[in-house]
Amino acid sequence: MIEFLCTVPAGQIPPAIRGTLVRAIEQACGEALGPDLQVKVDWIDVPKGFGFRGGEPSKTSLVRGKIPDGYDSEARNRLLREVGDAWCRISGGKEDELIVSARDRSWTGAGVAL
């Protein structure tokens, strides 16, 4: 199972294009990681006035994935690139308004200092 959580500023990614974005994420996962994996995509809308970047309302979307352990950096890079390219093409957003990541499912972040 591959899981993506898309955290977006309210109004930035309209519901009308979310299905297209989900299909693009599913396609990127199939091409980069293999066709037999299920993909789940969830959405969080950050209310207006709750997300800022540089003191201004943020337009940045976060697309965070959890993928099965064991993929090499080539597969991971391909996945991230394809998701990012599709997101910008479909949403009309800019590259500097998007963060895409994919961590191994088993990674817990334990021992990482913030």
Protein backbone atom coordinates (compact mmCIF):
# COMPACT_ATOMS: atom_id res chain seq x y z
CA MET A 1 0.00 0.00 0.00
CA ILE A 2 1.19 3.47 -0.92
CA GLU A 3 -0.33 6.38 0.95
CA PHE A 4 -0.21 10.07 0.07
CA LEU A 5 -1.41 12.93 2.23
CA CYS A 6 -1.95 16.18 0.33
CA THR A 7 -2.01 19.23 2.60
CA VAL A 8 -3.19 22.24 0.64
CA PRO A 9 -4.18 25.84 1.40
CA ALA A 10 -7.97 26.19 1.29
CA GLY A 11 -9.08 27.17 -2.20
CA GLN A 12 -5.70 26.42 -3.79
CA ILE A 13 -6.62 23.00 -5.23
CA PRO A 14 -10.31 22.97 -6.18
CA PRO A 15 -12.31 19.75 -5.71
CA ALA A 16 -12.94 19.63 -9.48
CA ILE A 17 -9.29 18.73 -10.21
CA ARG A 18 -8.55 16.50 -7.21
CA GLY A 19 -9.68 13.34 -8.96
CA THR A 20 -7.34 14.12 -11.85
CA LEU A 21 -4.49 14.68 -9.38
CA VAL A 22 -5.25 11.37 -7.64
CA ARG A 23 -5.16 9.52 -10.97
CA ALA A 24 -1.84 11.20 -11.82
CA ILE A 25 -0.38 10.12 -8.46
CA GLU A 26 -1.64 6.57 -9.05
CA GLN A 27 -0.11 6.54 -12.53
CA ALA A 28 3.24 7.86 -11.27
CA CYS A 29 3.30 5.18 -8.55
CA GLY A 30 2.54 2.46 -11.09
CA GLU A 31 5.26 3.62 -13.46
CA ALA A 32 7.95 4.26 -10.84
CA LEU A 33 7.22 1.55 -8.26
CA GLY A 34 5.20 -1.13 -10.02
CA PRO A 35 1.63 -1.61 -11.24
CA ASP A 36 0.39 -3.98 -8.52
CA LEU A 37 0.45 -1.57 -5.57
CA GLN A 38 -2.68 0.03 -4.17
CA VAL A 39 -2.58 3.80 -3.74
CA LYS A 40 -4.56 5.82 -1.21
CA VAL A 41 -4.70 9.62 -1.37
CA ASP A 42 -6.15 11.80 1.40
CA TRP A 43 -6.58 15.57 1.58
CA ILE A 44 -6.23 18.17 4.31
CA ASP A 45 -7.34 21.72 3.60
CA VAL A 46 -5.54 24.35 5.68
CA PRO A 47 -8.08 27.08 6.50
CA LYS A 48 -7.37 30.60 5.26
CA GLY A 49 -5.36 32.52 7.81
CA PHE A 50 -3.67 29.40 9.23
CA GLY A 51 -0.76 28.87 6.79
CA PHE A 52 1.96 31.43 6.19
CA ARG A 53 5.32 31.56 4.43
CA GLY A 54 7.56 34.59 4.81
CA GLY A 55 4.80 36.44 6.63
CA GLU A 56 2.38 36.07 3.70
CA PRO A 57 -0.47 33.59 3.20
CA SER A 58 1.09 30.39 1.85
CA LYS A 59 0.29 28.91 -1.55
CA THR A 60 2.52 25.90 -0.87
CA SER A 61 1.05 22.40 -1.11
CA LEU A 62 2.66 19.44 0.67
CA VAL A 63 2.33 16.04 -0.99
CA ARG A 64 3.76 13.48 1.44
CA GLY A 65 3.96 9.82 0.58
CA LYS A 66 4.63 6.58 2.45
CA ILE A 67 5.93 3.85 0.15
CA PRO A 68 6.93 0.24 0.78
CA ASP A 69 10.49 -0.21 2.03
CA GLY A 70 13.31 -1.12 -0.31
CA TYR A 71 13.01 1.16 -3.33
CA ASP A 72 16.29 2.62 -4.56
CA SER A 73 16.92 6.33 -5.05
CA GLU A 74 16.33 6.05 -8.81
CA ALA A 75 12.76 4.76 -8.34
CA ARG A 76 12.06 7.26 -5.56
CA ASN A 77 13.42 10.17 -7.62
CA ARG A 78 11.33 9.13 -10.61
CA LEU A 79 8.21 8.97 -8.44
CA LEU A 80 8.82 12.40 -6.91
CA ARG A 81 9.59 13.99 -10.27
CA GLU A 82 6.51 12.49 -11.96
CA VAL A 83 4.18 13.47 -9.12
CA GLY A 84 5.60 17.00 -9.03
CA ASP A 85 5.42 17.48 -12.79
CA ALA A 86 1.84 16.19 -12.96
CA TRP A 87 0.76 18.31 -9.99
CA CYS A 88 2.08 21.51 -11.54
CA ARG A 89 0.67 20.67 -14.98
CA ILE A 90 -2.81 19.84 -13.65
CA SER A 91 -3.10 22.50 -10.94
CA GLY A 92 -1.28 25.30 -12.75
CA GLY A 93 0.86 25.71 -9.64
CA LYS A 94 4.53 26.62 -9.66
CA GLU A 95 7.39 24.31 -8.65
CA ASP A 96 8.29 26.61 -5.77
CA GLU A 97 4.75 26.22 -4.39
CA LEU A 98 5.01 22.43 -4.02
CA ILE A 99 6.89 20.06 -1.74
CA VAL A 100 6.73 16.36 -2.65
CA SER A 101 8.26 13.67 -0.44
CA ALA A 102 8.09 9.88 -0.10
CA ARG A 103 9.45 8.05 2.92
CA ASP A 104 9.77 4.35 3.59
CA ARG A 105 6.73 2.97 5.39
CA SER A 106 8.88 1.67 8.28
CA TRP A 107 10.62 5.00 8.92
CA THR A 108 9.44 6.46 12.22
CA GLY A 109 11.67 9.50 12.52
CA ALA A 110 12.93 8.26 15.88
CA GLY A 111 16.20 9.88 16.81
CA VAL A 112 15.81 12.75 14.39
CA ALA A 113 16.34 16.13 16.03
CA LEU A 114 14.26 18.98 14.75
